[in-house]
Amino acid sequence: MPNVLLDWIYGGVDFEGPGNNGGKKCLEHVTPSFRLFETSVGIATSILALLVSSKSSRKKNLVSSSTSKSIQTTSGKLGLLVAHTFVFGIEVGFKFSSKSLIFLLNPCHITTIIQVTKKTKCDL
């Protein structure tokens, strides 16, 4: 039984592919200048997102403190949540079919799970 489970988790991962085998080859798969570029873009995007969200959060606090009405979930937000969840379901199905469930532990998938569960518990 454990072998079947392990096959589902990483049986479809191609360890011979570039960047998938670990070690020195993996380290050299991407040049240092490209890693620096990716890091810079990631940090700049994160700072921009934090600035935008803090500005939006301050506006929301002002609106909610001046009026006693709570902000209702719009149909657009609900539609986006449903679409996001649907796409994530397709990704999970693909991971099952390609026997690469290990990649569901990537930060992008974990963040999606957190966002979807937070939105469904708080806003709906």
PDB file of N, CA and C in Angstrom:
ATOM      1  N   MET A   1       0.802  -1.205   0.000  1.00  0.00           N
ATOM      2  CA  MET A   1       0.000   0.000   0.000  1.00  0.00           C
ATOM      3  C   MET A   1       0.850   1.278   0.000  1.00  0.00           C
ATOM      4  N   PRO A   2       1.944   1.364   0.799  1.00  0.00           N
ATOM      5  CA  PRO A   2       2.753   2.580   0.769  1.00  0.00           C
ATOM      6  C   PRO A   2       3.337   2.880  -0.603  1.00  0.00           C
ATOM      7  N   ASN A   3       3.699   1.838  -1.368  1.00  0.00           N
ATOM      8  CA  ASN A   3       4.261   2.075  -2.699  1.00  0.00           C
ATOM      9  C   ASN A   3       3.248   2.701  -3.640  1.00  0.00           C
ATOM     10  N   VAL A   4       1.982   2.313  -3.507  1.00  0.00           N
ATOM     11  CA  VAL A   4       0.931   2.897  -4.338  1.00  0.00           C
ATOM     12  C   VAL A   4       0.755   4.366  -3.990  1.00  0.00           C
ATOM     13  N   LEU A   5       0.772   4.682  -2.706  1.00  0.00           N
ATOM     14  CA  LEU A   5       0.642   6.065  -2.268  1.00  0.00           C
ATOM     15  C   LEU A   5       1.803   6.913  -2.763  1.00  0.00           C
ATOM     16  N   LEU A   6       3.013   6.405  -2.624  1.00  0.00           N
ATOM     17  CA  LEU A   6       4.180   7.144  -3.114  1.00  0.00           C
ATOM     18  C   LEU A   6       4.138   7.315  -4.620  1.00  0.00           C
ATOM     19  N   ASP A   7       3.606   6.329  -5.338  1.00  0.00           N
ATOM     20  CA  ASP A   7       3.474   6.454  -6.782  1.00  0.00           C
ATOM     21  C   ASP A   7       2.535   7.598  -7.143  1.00  0.00           C
ATOM     22  N   TRP A   8       1.449   7.742  -6.389  1.00  0.00           N
ATOM     23  CA  TRP A   8       0.516   8.852  -6.633  1.00  0.00           C
ATOM     24  C   TRP A   8       1.160  10.198  -6.301  1.00  0.00           C
ATOM     25  N   ILE A   9       2.014  10.216  -5.277  1.00  0.00           N
ATOM     26  CA  ILE A   9       2.593  11.484  -4.833  1.00  0.00           C
ATOM     27  C   ILE A   9       3.661  11.989  -5.796  1.00  0.00           C
ATOM     28  N   TYR A  10       4.593  11.128  -6.212  1.00  0.00           N
ATOM     29  CA  TYR A  10       5.668  11.619  -7.082  1.00  0.00           C
ATOM     30  C   TYR A  10       6.024  10.668  -8.215  1.00  0.00           C
ATOM     31  N   GLY A  11       5.159   9.719  -8.519  1.00  0.00           N
ATOM     32  CA  GLY A  11       5.458   8.758  -9.579  1.00  0.00           C
ATOM     33  C   GLY A  11       5.568   9.362 -10.966  1.00  0.00           C
ATOM     34  N   GLY A  12       4.898  10.465 -11.217  1.00  0.00           N
ATOM     35  CA  GLY A  12       4.921  11.072 -12.542  1.00  0.00           C
ATOM     36  C   GLY A  12       5.940  12.172 -12.722  1.00  0.00           C
ATOM     37  N   VAL A  13       6.733  12.452 -11.697  1.00  0.00           N
ATOM     38  CA  VAL A  13       7.723  13.518 -11.780  1.00  0.00           C
ATOM     39  C   VAL A  13       8.920  13.033 -12.587  1.00  0.00           C
ATOM     40  N   ASP A  14       9.319  13.807 -13.575  1.00  0.00           N
ATOM     41  CA  ASP A  14      10.461  13.477 -14.423  1.00  0.00           C
ATOM     42  C   ASP A  14      11.722  14.048 -13.782  1.00  0.00           C
ATOM     43  N   PHE A  15      12.484  13.197 -13.121  1.00  0.00           N
ATOM     44  CA  PHE A  15      13.686  13.659 -12.452  1.00  0.00           C
ATOM     45  C   PHE A  15      14.834  13.914 -13.421  1.00  0.00           C
ATOM     46  N   GLU A  16      14.675  13.513 -14.656  1.00  0.00           N
ATOM     47  CA  GLU A  16      15.719  13.736 -15.657  1.00  0.00           C
ATOM     48  C   GLU A  16      15.572  15.093 -16.337  1.00  0.00           C
ATOM     49  N   GLY A  17      14.453  15.756 -16.136  1.00  0.00           N
ATOM     50  CA  GLY A  17      14.229  17.055 -16.755  1.00  0.00           C
ATOM     51  C   GLY A  17      15.142  18.123 -16.167  1.00  0.00           C
ATOM     52  N   PRO A  18      15.368  19.201 -16.923  1.00  0.00           N
ATOM     53  CA  PRO A  18      16.262  20.249 -16.423  1.00  0.00           C
ATOM     54  C   PRO A  18      15.673  20.912 -15.173  1.00  0.00           C
ATOM     55  N   GLY A  19      16.456  20.995 -14.126  1.00  0.00           N
ATOM     56  CA  GLY A  19      16.012  21.635 -12.900  1.00  0.00           C
ATOM     57  C   GLY A  19      15.235  20.734 -11.964  1.00  0.00           C
ATOM     58  N   ASN A  20      14.948  19.500 -12.365  1.00  0.00           N
ATOM     59  CA  ASN A  20      14.153  18.600 -11.523  1.00  0.00           C
ATOM     60  C   ASN A  20      14.979  17.593 -10.744  1.00  0.00           C
ATOM     61  N   ASN A  21      16.272  17.530 -10.989  1.00  0.00           N
ATOM     62  CA  ASN A  21      17.067  16.469 -10.389  1.00  0.00           C
ATOM     63  C   ASN A  21      17.820  16.901  -9.133  1.00  0.00           C
ATOM     64  N   GLY A  22      17.770  18.151  -8.768  1.00  0.00           N
ATOM     65  CA  GLY A  22      18.445  18.617  -7.565  1.00  0.00           C
ATOM     66  C   GLY A  22      19.945  18.716  -7.755  1.00  0.00           C
ATOM     67  N   GLY A  23      20.622  19.127  -6.731  1.00  0.00           N
ATOM     68  CA  GLY A  23      22.073  19.209  -6.766  1.00  0.00           C
ATOM     69  C   GLY A  23      22.599  20.348  -7.618  1.00  0.00           C
ATOM     70  N   LYS A  24      23.815  20.157  -8.137  1.00  0.00           N
ATOM     71  CA  LYS A  24      24.505  21.209  -8.887  1.00  0.00           C
ATOM     72  C   LYS A  24      23.795  21.531 -10.208  1.00  0.00           C
ATOM     73  N   LYS A  25      23.272  20.495 -10.871  1.00  0.00           N
ATOM     74  CA  LYS A  25      22.557  20.737 -12.132  1.00  0.00           C
ATOM     75  C   LYS A  25      21.346  21.641 -11.915  1.00  0.00           C
ATOM     76  N   CYS A  26      20.646  21.406 -10.823  1.00  0.00           N
ATOM     77  CA  CYS A  26      19.475  22.220 -10.507  1.00  0.00           C
ATOM     78  C   CYS A  26      19.891  23.663 -10.218  1.00  0.00           C
ATOM     79  N   LEU A  27      20.985  23.811  -9.485  1.00  0.00           N
ATOM     80  CA  LEU A  27      21.476  25.137  -9.144  1.00  0.00           C
ATOM     81  C   LEU A  27      21.900  25.907 -10.387  1.00  0.00           C
ATOM     82  N   GLU A  28      22.489  25.204 -11.348  1.00  0.00           N
ATOM     83  CA  GLU A  28      22.974  25.858 -12.562  1.00  0.00           C
ATOM     84  C   GLU A  28      21.910  25.967 -13.655  1.00  0.00           C
ATOM     85  N   HIS A  29      20.722  25.441 -13.403  1.00  0.00           N
ATOM     86  CA  HIS A  29      19.655  25.469 -14.408  1.00  0.00           C
ATOM     87  C   HIS A  29      19.255  26.904 -14.766  1.00  0.00           C
ATOM     88  N   VAL A  30      19.257  27.785 -13.789  1.00  0.00           N
ATOM     89  CA  VAL A  30      18.905  29.185 -14.012  1.00  0.00           C
ATOM     90  C   VAL A  30      20.130  30.026 -13.674  1.00  0.00           C
ATOM     91  N   THR A  31      20.437  30.995 -14.529  1.00  0.00           N
ATOM     92  CA  THR A  31      21.615  31.832 -14.307  1.00  0.00           C
ATOM     93  C   THR A  31      21.400  32.753 -13.106  1.00  0.00           C
ATOM     94  N   PRO A  32      22.485  33.147 -12.454  1.00  0.00           N
ATOM     95  CA  PRO A  32      22.348  34.065 -11.309  1.00  0.00           C
ATOM     96  C   PRO A  32      21.681  35.392 -11.676  1.00  0.00           C
ATOM     97  N   SER A  33      21.948  35.897 -12.883  1.00  0.00           N
ATOM     98  CA  SER A  33      21.324  37.167 -13.279  1.00  0.00           C
ATOM     99  C   SER A  33      19.812  37.011 -13.437  1.00  0.00           C
ATOM    100  N   PHE A  34      19.362  35.861 -13.939  1.00  0.00           N
ATOM    101  CA  PHE A  34      17.924  35.641 -14.073  1.00  0.00           C
ATOM    102  C   PHE A  34      17.275  35.475 -12.698  1.00  0.00           C
ATOM    103  N   ARG A  35      17.966  34.806 -11.768  1.00  0.00           N
ATOM    104  CA  ARG A  35      17.456  34.666 -10.398  1.00  0.00           C
ATOM    105  C   ARG A  35      17.341  36.037  -9.738  1.00  0.00           C
ATOM    106  N   LEU A  36      18.330  36.894  -9.961  1.00  0.00           N
ATOM    107  CA  LEU A  36      18.293  38.254  -9.417  1.00  0.00           C
ATOM    108  C   LEU A  36      17.129  39.034 -10.012  1.00  0.00           C
ATOM    109  N   PHE A  37      16.920  38.886 -11.324  1.00  0.00           N
ATOM    110  CA  PHE A  37      15.792  39.547 -11.983  1.00  0.00           C
ATOM    111  C   PHE A  37      14.461  39.075 -11.403  1.00  0.00           C
ATOM    112  N   GLU A  38      14.293  37.747 -11.267  1.00  0.00           N
ATOM    113  CA  GLU A  38      13.054  37.203 -10.713  1.00  0.00           C
ATOM    114  C   GLU A  38      12.826  37.680  -9.281  1.00  0.00           C
ATOM    115  N   THR A  39      13.885  37.704  -8.490  1.00  0.00           N
ATOM    116  CA  THR A  39      13.771  38.161  -7.108  1.00  0.00           C
ATOM    117  C   THR A  39      13.371  39.629  -7.059  1.00  0.00           C
ATOM    118  N   SER A  40      13.983  40.452  -7.898  1.00  0.00           N
ATOM    119  CA  SER A  40      13.666  41.883  -7.933  1.00  0.00           C
ATOM    120  C   SER A  40      12.211  42.114  -8.331  1.00  0.00           C
ATOM    121  N   VAL A  41      11.763  41.409  -9.354  1.00  0.00           N
ATOM    122  CA  VAL A  41      10.369  41.551  -9.789  1.00  0.00           C
ATOM    123  C   VAL A  41       9.420  41.078  -8.684  1.00  0.00           C
ATOM    124  N   GLY A  42       9.749  39.990  -8.023  1.00  0.00           N
ATOM    125  CA  GLY A  42       8.909  39.477  -6.937  1.00  0.00           C
ATOM    126  C   GLY A  42       8.821  40.442  -5.774  1.00  0.00           C
ATOM    127  N   ILE A  43       9.946  41.011  -5.383  1.00  0.00           N
ATOM    128  CA  ILE A  43       9.952  41.969  -4.274  1.00  0.00           C
ATOM    129  C   ILE A  43       9.194  43.236  -4.653  1.00  0.00           C
ATOM    130  N   ALA A  44       9.432  43.751  -5.859  1.00  0.00           N
ATOM    131  CA  ALA A  44       8.733  44.961  -6.298  1.00  0.00           C
ATOM    132  C   ALA A  44       7.221  44.728  -6.362  1.00  0.00           C
ATOM    133  N   THR A  45       6.808  43.585  -6.873  1.00  0.00           N
ATOM    134  CA  THR A  45       5.383  43.266  -6.943  1.00  0.00           C
ATOM    135  C   THR A  45       4.784  43.136  -5.550  1.00  0.00           C
ATOM    136  N   SER A  46       5.512  42.528  -4.645  1.00  0.00           N
ATOM    137  CA  SER A  46       5.025  42.369  -3.276  1.00  0.00           C
ATOM    138  C   SER A  46       4.870  43.711  -2.583  1.00  0.00           C
ATOM    139  N   ILE A  47       5.853  44.588  -2.743  1.00  0.00           N
ATOM    140  CA  ILE A  47       5.762  45.918  -2.131  1.00  0.00           C
ATOM    141  C   ILE A  47       4.602  46.694  -2.717  1.00  0.00           C
ATOM    142  N   LEU A  48       4.425  46.631  -4.030  1.00  0.00           N
ATOM    143  CA  LEU A  48       3.296  47.311  -4.668  1.00  0.00           C
ATOM    144  C   LEU A  48       1.964  46.767  -4.160  1.00  0.00           C
ATOM    145  N   ALA A  49       1.857  45.458  -4.032  1.00  0.00           N
ATOM    146  CA  ALA A  49       0.623  44.857  -3.530  1.00  0.00           C
ATOM    147  C   ALA A  49       0.351  45.275  -2.094  1.00  0.00           C
ATOM    148  N   LEU A  50       1.393  45.328  -1.269  1.00  0.00           N
ATOM    149  CA  LEU A  50       1.218  45.775   0.116  1.00  0.00           C
ATOM    150  C   LEU A  50       0.761  47.230   0.183  1.00  0.00           C
ATOM    151  N   LEU A  51       1.341  48.085  -0.651  1.00  0.00           N
ATOM    152  CA  LEU A  51       0.938  49.495  -0.662  1.00  0.00           C
ATOM    153  C   LEU A  51      -0.512  49.662  -1.100  1.00  0.00           C
ATOM    154  N   VAL A  52      -0.886  48.961  -2.153  1.00  0.00           N
ATOM    155  CA  VAL A  52      -2.260  49.048  -2.654  1.00  0.00           C
ATOM    156  C   VAL A  52      -3.247  48.504  -1.623  1.00  0.00           C
ATOM    157  N   SER A  53      -2.914  47.370  -1.006  1.00  0.00           N
ATOM    158  CA  SER A  53      -3.837  46.778  -0.038  1.00  0.00           C
ATOM    159  C   SER A  53      -3.945  47.623   1.225  1.00  0.00           C
ATOM    160  N   SER A  54      -2.854  48.238   1.657  1.00  0.00           N
ATOM    161  CA  SER A  54      -2.939  49.079   2.853  1.00  0.00           C
ATOM    162  C   SER A  54      -3.768  50.326   2.574  1.00  0.00           C
ATOM    163  N   LYS A  55      -3.649  50.879   1.382  1.00  0.00           N
ATOM    164  CA  LYS A  55      -4.461  52.045   1.005  1.00  0.00           C
ATOM    165  C   LYS A  55      -5.938  51.649   0.944  1.00  0.00           C
ATOM    166  N   SER A  56      -6.212  50.485   0.348  1.00  0.00           N
ATOM    167  CA  SER A  56      -7.584  49.988   0.255  1.00  0.00           C
ATOM    168  C   SER A  56      -8.139  49.673   1.633  1.00  0.00           C
ATOM    169  N   SER A  57      -7.302  49.138   2.502  1.00  0.00           N
ATOM    170  CA  SER A  57      -7.733  48.781   3.856  1.00  0.00           C
ATOM    171  C   SER A  57      -8.082  50.026   4.656  1.00  0.00           C
ATOM    172  N   ARG A  58      -7.287  51.085   4.493  1.00  0.00           N
ATOM    173  CA  ARG A  58      -7.591  52.333   5.202  1.00  0.00           C
ATOM    174  C   ARG A  58      -8.913  52.916   4.737  1.00  0.00           C
ATOM    175  N   LYS A  59      -9.179  52.869   3.420  1.00  0.00           N
ATOM    176  CA  LYS A  59     -10.449  53.368   2.900  1.00  0.00           C
ATOM    177  C   LYS A  59     -11.612  52.549   3.445  1.00  0.00           C
ATOM    178  N   LYS A  60     -11.448  51.226   3.481  1.00  0.00           N
ATOM    179  CA  LYS A  60     -12.503  50.343   3.960  1.00  0.00           C
ATOM    180  C   LYS A  60     -12.793  50.605   5.432  1.00  0.00           C
ATOM    181  N   ASN A  61     -11.741  50.854   6.240  1.00  0.00           N
ATOM    182  CA  ASN A  61     -11.932  51.141   7.654  1.00  0.00           C
ATOM    183  C   ASN A  61     -12.660  52.456   7.857  1.00  0.00           C
ATOM    184  N   LEU A  62     -12.345  53.445   7.024  1.00  0.00           N
ATOM    185  CA  LEU A  62     -13.041  54.727   7.125  1.00  0.00           C
ATOM    186  C   LEU A  62     -14.511  54.581   6.771  1.00  0.00           C
ATOM    187  N   VAL A  63     -14.794  53.822   5.734  1.00  0.00           N
ATOM    188  CA  VAL A  63     -16.177  53.615   5.311  1.00  0.00           C
ATOM    189  C   VAL A  63     -16.952  52.841   6.367  1.00  0.00           C
ATOM    190  N   SER A  64     -16.355  51.783   6.900  1.00  0.00           N
ATOM    191  CA  SER A  64     -17.076  50.965   7.858  1.00  0.00           C
ATOM    192  C   SER A  64     -17.228  51.666   9.197  1.00  0.00           C
ATOM    193  N   SER A  65     -16.296  52.557   9.553  1.00  0.00           N
ATOM    194  CA  SER A  65     -16.440  53.263  10.822  1.00  0.00           C
ATOM    195  C   SER A  65     -17.446  54.398  10.706  1.00  0.00           C
ATOM    196  N   SER A  66     -17.598  54.984   9.519  1.00  0.00           N
ATOM    197  CA  SER A  66     -18.539  56.086   9.374  1.00  0.00           C
ATOM    198  C   SER A  66     -19.966  55.593   9.167  1.00  0.00           C
ATOM    199  N   THR A  67     -20.130  54.410   8.663  1.00  0.00           N
ATOM    200  CA  THR A  67     -21.465  53.844   8.502  1.00  0.00           C
ATOM    201  C   THR A  67     -21.539  52.541   9.259  1.00  0.00           C
ATOM    202  N   SER A  68     -22.720  52.185   9.708  1.00  0.00           N
ATOM    203  CA  SER A  68     -22.853  50.956  10.484  1.00  0.00           C
ATOM    204  C   SER A  68     -23.114  49.748   9.596  1.00  0.00           C
ATOM    205  N   LYS A  69     -23.257  49.942   8.300  1.00  0.00           N
ATOM    206  CA  LYS A  69     -23.505  48.831   7.385  1.00  0.00           C
ATOM    207  C   LYS A  69     -22.219  48.054   7.140  1.00  0.00           C
ATOM    208  N   SER A  70     -22.332  46.757   7.108  1.00  0.00           N
ATOM    209  CA  SER A  70     -21.171  45.953   6.739  1.00  0.00           C
ATOM    210  C   SER A  70     -21.104  45.868   5.223  1.00  0.00           C
ATOM    211  N   ILE A  71     -19.915  45.729   4.737  1.00  0.00           N
ATOM    212  CA  ILE A  71     -19.722  45.657   3.285  1.00  0.00           C
ATOM    213  C   ILE A  71     -20.156  44.278   2.808  1.00  0.00           C
ATOM    214  N   GLN A  72     -21.096  44.238   1.890  1.00  0.00           N
ATOM    215  CA  GLN A  72     -21.650  42.983   1.393  1.00  0.00           C
ATOM    216  C   GLN A  72     -20.783  42.439   0.261  1.00  0.00           C
ATOM    217  N   THR A  73     -20.773  41.131   0.158  1.00  0.00           N
ATOM    218  CA  THR A  73     -20.067  40.478  -0.942  1.00  0.00           C
ATOM    219  C   THR A  73     -20.858  40.691  -2.222  1.00  0.00           C
ATOM    220  N   THR A  74     -20.197  41.190  -3.233  1.00  0.00           N
ATOM    221  CA  THR A  74     -20.876  41.429  -4.501  1.00  0.00           C
ATOM    222  C   THR A  74     -20.904  40.153  -5.320  1.00  0.00           C
ATOM    223  N   SER A  75     -21.767  40.154  -6.305  1.00  0.00           N
ATOM    224  CA  SER A  75     -21.841  38.975  -7.173  1.00  0.00           C
ATOM    225  C   SER A  75     -20.552  38.805  -7.978  1.00  0.00           C
ATOM    226  N   GLY A  76     -19.851  39.893  -8.262  1.00  0.00           N
ATOM    227  CA  GLY A  76     -18.570  39.805  -8.967  1.00  0.00           C
ATOM    228  C   GLY A  76     -17.522  39.077  -8.143  1.00  0.00           C
ATOM    229  N   LYS A  77     -17.469  39.396  -6.842  1.00  0.00           N
ATOM    230  CA  LYS A  77     -16.525  38.717  -5.960  1.00  0.00           C
ATOM    231  C   LYS A  77     -16.872  37.239  -5.841  1.00  0.00           C
ATOM    232  N   LEU A  78     -18.159  36.961  -5.744  1.00  0.00           N
ATOM    233  CA  LEU A  78     -18.592  35.567  -5.634  1.00  0.00           C
ATOM    234  C   LEU A  78     -18.263  34.797  -6.912  1.00  0.00           C
ATOM    235  N   GLY A  79     -18.492  35.421  -8.066  1.00  0.00           N
ATOM    236  CA  GLY A  79     -18.158  34.778  -9.337  1.00  0.00           C
ATOM    237  C   GLY A  79     -16.668  34.514  -9.470  1.00  0.00           C
ATOM    238  N   LEU A  80     -15.863  35.472  -9.012  1.00  0.00           N
ATOM    239  CA  LEU A  80     -14.412  35.306  -9.059  1.00  0.00           C
ATOM    240  C   LEU A  80     -13.970  34.175  -8.129  1.00  0.00           C
ATOM    241  N   LEU A  81     -14.589  34.087  -6.957  1.00  0.00           N
ATOM    242  CA  LEU A  81     -14.264  33.006  -6.028  1.00  0.00           C
ATOM    243  C   LEU A  81     -14.610  31.642  -6.622  1.00  0.00           C
ATOM    244  N   VAL A  82     -15.770  31.559  -7.266  1.00  0.00           N
ATOM    245  CA  VAL A  82     -16.185  30.294  -7.883  1.00  0.00           C
ATOM    246  C   VAL A  82     -15.225  29.925  -9.019  1.00  0.00           C
ATOM    247  N   ALA A  83     -14.859  30.907  -9.843  1.00  0.00           N
ATOM    248  CA  ALA A  83     -13.936  30.642 -10.947  1.00  0.00           C
ATOM    249  C   ALA A  83     -12.564  30.206 -10.422  1.00  0.00           C
ATOM    250  N   HIS A  84     -12.091  30.887  -9.389  1.00  0.00           N
ATOM    251  CA  HIS A  84     -10.793  30.563  -8.783  1.00  0.00           C
ATOM    252  C   HIS A  84     -10.802  29.138  -8.225  1.00  0.00           C
ATOM    253  N   THR A  85     -11.876  28.791  -7.549  1.00  0.00           N
ATOM    254  CA  THR A  85     -12.003  27.446  -6.981  1.00  0.00           C
ATOM    255  C   THR A  85     -12.100  26.395  -8.076  1.00  0.00           C
ATOM    256  N   PHE A  86     -12.826  26.697  -9.143  1.00  0.00           N
ATOM    257  CA  PHE A  86     -12.967  25.773 -10.261  1.00  0.00           C
ATOM    258  C   PHE A  86     -11.611  25.502 -10.915  1.00  0.00           C
ATOM    259  N   VAL A  87     -10.841  26.561 -11.161  1.00  0.00           N
ATOM    260  CA  VAL A  87      -9.524  26.401 -11.775  1.00  0.00           C
ATOM    261  C   VAL A  87      -8.606  25.600 -10.851  1.00  0.00           C
ATOM    262  N   PHE A  88      -8.674  25.867  -9.541  1.00  0.00           N
ATOM    263  CA  PHE A  88      -7.847  25.109  -8.607  1.00  0.00           C
ATOM    264  C   PHE A  88      -8.235  23.635  -8.619  1.00  0.00           C
ATOM    265  N   GLY A  89      -9.525  23.349  -8.730  1.00  0.00           N
ATOM    266  CA  GLY A  89      -9.981  21.965  -8.824  1.00  0.00           C
ATOM    267  C   GLY A  89      -9.429  21.268 -10.049  1.00  0.00           C
ATOM    268  N   ILE A  90      -9.374  21.989 -11.158  1.00  0.00           N
ATOM    269  CA  ILE A  90      -8.788  21.431 -12.382  1.00  0.00           C
ATOM    270  C   ILE A  90      -7.299  21.153 -12.171  1.00  0.00           C
ATOM    271  N   GLU A  91      -6.602  22.068 -11.495  1.00  0.00           N
ATOM    272  CA  GLU A  91      -5.177  21.860 -11.216  1.00  0.00           C
ATOM    273  C   GLU A  91      -4.968  20.618 -10.345  1.00  0.00           C
ATOM    274  N   VAL A  92      -5.796  20.458  -9.330  1.00  0.00           N
ATOM    275  CA  VAL A  92      -5.680  19.280  -8.462  1.00  0.00           C
ATOM    276  C   VAL A  92      -5.950  18.009  -9.266  1.00  0.00           C
ATOM    277  N   GLY A  93      -6.971  18.036 -10.121  1.00  0.00           N
ATOM    278  CA  GLY A  93      -7.257  16.888 -10.969  1.00  0.00           C
ATOM    279  C   GLY A  93      -6.093  16.554 -11.879  1.00  0.00           C
ATOM    280  N   PHE A  94      -5.440  17.585 -12.413  1.00  0.00           N
ATOM    281  CA  PHE A  94      -4.275  17.352 -13.262  1.00  0.00           C
ATOM    282  C   PHE A  94      -3.138  16.720 -12.465  1.00  0.00           C
ATOM    283  N   LYS A  95      -2.941  17.183 -11.231  1.00  0.00           N
ATOM    284  CA  LYS A  95      -1.876  16.610 -10.393  1.00  0.00           C
ATOM    285  C   LYS A  95      -2.151  15.135 -10.107  1.00  0.00           C
ATOM    286  N   PHE A  96      -3.431  14.793  -9.887  1.00  0.00           N
ATOM    287  CA  PHE A  96      -3.774  13.384  -9.681  1.00  0.00           C
ATOM    288  C   PHE A  96      -3.517  12.574 -10.949  1.00  0.00           C
ATOM    289  N   SER A  97      -3.944  13.107 -12.086  1.00  0.00           N
ATOM    290  CA  SER A  97      -3.812  12.339 -13.332  1.00  0.00           C
ATOM    291  C   SER A  97      -2.359  12.196 -13.773  1.00  0.00           C
ATOM    292  N   SER A  98      -1.527  13.166 -13.459  1.00  0.00           N
ATOM    293  CA  SER A  98      -0.116  13.086 -13.855  1.00  0.00           C
ATOM    294  C   SER A  98       0.771  12.496 -12.760  1.00  0.00           C
ATOM    295  N   LYS A  99       0.149  12.068 -11.660  1.00  0.00           N
ATOM    296  CA  LYS A  99       0.859  11.475 -10.524  1.00  0.00           C
ATOM    297  C   LYS A  99       1.975  12.383 -10.016  1.00  0.00           C
ATOM    298  N   SER A 100       1.631  13.637  -9.808  1.00  0.00           N
ATOM    299  CA  SER A 100       2.603  14.607  -9.288  1.00  0.00           C
ATOM    300  C   SER A 100       1.979  15.442  -8.178  1.00  0.00           C
ATOM    301  N   LEU A 101       1.353  14.770  -7.212  1.00  0.00           N
ATOM    302  CA  LEU A 101       0.700  15.473  -6.104  1.00  0.00           C
ATOM    303  C   LEU A 101       1.681  16.253  -5.246  1.00  0.00           C
ATOM    304  N   ILE A 102       2.946  15.898  -5.281  1.00  0.00           N
ATOM    305  CA  ILE A 102       3.944  16.587  -4.479  1.00  0.00           C
ATOM    306  C   ILE A 102       3.975  18.079  -4.793  1.00  0.00           C
ATOM    307  N   PHE A 103       3.636  18.440  -6.026  1.00  0.00           N
ATOM    308  CA  PHE A 103       3.676  19.846  -6.424  1.00  0.00           C
ATOM    309  C   PHE A 103       2.520  20.658  -5.842  1.00  0.00           C
ATOM    310  N   LEU A 104       1.543  20.005  -5.218  1.00  0.00           N
ATOM    311  CA  LEU A 104       0.482  20.748  -4.532  1.00  0.00           C
ATOM    312  C   LEU A 104       1.019  21.444  -3.286  1.00  0.00           C
ATOM    313  N   LEU A 105       2.251  21.119  -2.884  1.00  0.00           N
ATOM    314  CA  LEU A 105       2.873  21.787  -1.744  1.00  0.00           C
ATOM    315  C   LEU A 105       3.629  23.052  -2.142  1.00  0.00           C
ATOM    316  N   ASN A 106       3.585  23.409  -3.432  1.00  0.00           N
ATOM    317  CA  ASN A 106       4.206  24.656  -3.871  1.00  0.00           C
ATOM    318  C   ASN A 106       3.478  25.838  -3.237  1.00  0.00           C
ATOM    319  N   PRO A 107       4.193  26.934  -2.977  1.00  0.00           N
ATOM    320  CA  PRO A 107       3.557  28.091  -2.326  1.00  0.00           C
ATOM    321  C   PRO A 107       2.329  28.632  -3.060  1.00  0.00           C
ATOM    322  N   CYS A 108       2.317  28.554  -4.380  1.00  0.00           N
ATOM    323  CA  CYS A 108       1.163  29.089  -5.114  1.00  0.00           C
ATOM    324  C   CYS A 108      -0.100  28.290  -4.802  1.00  0.00           C
ATOM    325  N   HIS A 109       0.012  26.984  -4.688  1.00  0.00           N
ATOM    326  CA  HIS A 109      -1.154  26.156  -4.383  1.00  0.00           C
ATOM    327  C   HIS A 109      -1.584  26.327  -2.927  1.00  0.00           C
ATOM    328  N   ILE A 110      -0.633  26.415  -2.020  1.00  0.00           N
ATOM    329  CA  ILE A 110      -0.959  26.621  -0.608  1.00  0.00           C
ATOM    330  C   ILE A 110      -1.651  27.971  -0.424  1.00  0.00           C
ATOM    331  N   THR A 111      -1.149  29.003  -1.099  1.00  0.00           N
ATOM    332  CA  THR A 111      -1.778  30.322  -1.022  1.00  0.00           C
ATOM    333  C   THR A 111      -3.194  30.280  -1.560  1.00  0.00           C
ATOM    334  N   THR A 112      -3.412  29.574  -2.651  1.00  0.00           N
ATOM    335  CA  THR A 112      -4.759  29.443  -3.202  1.00  0.00           C
ATOM    336  C   THR A 112      -5.689  28.768  -2.203  1.00  0.00           C
ATOM    337  N   ILE A 113      -5.231  27.706  -1.560  1.00  0.00           N
ATOM    338  CA  ILE A 113      -6.057  27.017  -0.567  1.00  0.00           C
ATOM    339  C   ILE A 113      -6.413  27.961   0.569  1.00  0.00           C
ATOM    340  N   ILE A 114      -5.438  28.737   1.048  1.00  0.00           N
ATOM    341  CA  ILE A 114      -5.685  29.682   2.137  1.00  0.00           C
ATOM    342  C   ILE A 114      -6.686  30.748   1.702  1.00  0.00           C
ATOM    343  N   GLN A 115      -6.519  31.297   0.512  1.00  0.00           N
ATOM    344  CA  GLN A 115      -7.423  32.347   0.034  1.00  0.00           C
ATOM    345  C   GLN A 115      -8.848  31.834  -0.118  1.00  0.00           C
ATOM    346  N   VAL A 116      -8.999  30.663  -0.702  1.00  0.00           N
ATOM    347  CA  VAL A 116     -10.339  30.131  -0.929  1.00  0.00           C
ATOM    348  C   VAL A 116     -11.026  29.806   0.384  1.00  0.00           C
ATOM    349  N   THR A 117     -10.305  29.178   1.319  1.00  0.00           N
ATOM    350  CA  THR A 117     -10.945  28.831   2.590  1.00  0.00           C
ATOM    351  C   THR A 117     -11.237  30.072   3.417  1.00  0.00           C
ATOM    352  N   LYS A 118     -10.386  31.066   3.346  1.00  0.00           N
ATOM    353  CA  LYS A 118     -10.627  32.307   4.098  1.00  0.00           C
ATOM    354  C   LYS A 118     -11.846  33.034   3.534  1.00  0.00           C
ATOM    355  N   LYS A 119     -11.933  33.103   2.225  1.00  0.00           N
ATOM    356  CA  LYS A 119     -13.063  33.797   1.602  1.00  0.00           C
ATOM    357  C   LYS A 119     -14.382  33.079   1.852  1.00  0.00           C
ATOM    358  N   THR A 120     -14.371  31.756   1.796  1.00  0.00           N
ATOM    359  CA  THR A 120     -15.633  31.038   1.980  1.00  0.00           C
ATOM    360  C   THR A 120     -16.107  31.099   3.424  1.00  0.00           C
ATOM    361  N   LYS A 121     -15.193  31.185   4.380  1.00  0.00           N
ATOM    362  CA  LYS A 121     -15.602  31.243   5.798  1.00  0.00           C
ATOM    363  C   LYS A 121     -16.012  32.659   6.199  1.00  0.00           C
ATOM    364  N   CYS A 122     -15.341  33.676   5.679  1.00  0.00           N
ATOM    365  CA  CYS A 122     -15.587  35.042   6.137  1.00  0.00           C
ATOM    366  C   CYS A 122     -16.641  35.791   5.347  1.00  0.00           C
ATOM    367  N   ASP A 123     -16.595  35.682   4.043  1.00  0.00           N
ATOM    368  CA  ASP A 123     -17.419  36.562   3.219  1.00  0.00           C
ATOM    369  C   ASP A 123     -18.765  36.000   2.829  1.00  0.00           C
ATOM    370  N   LEU A 124     -18.939  34.696   2.877  1.00  0.00           N
ATOM    371  CA  LEU A 124     -20.182  34.159   2.348  1.00  0.00           C
ATOM    372  C   LEU A 124     -21.201  33.936   3.404  1.00  0.00           C
TER     373      LEU A 124
END
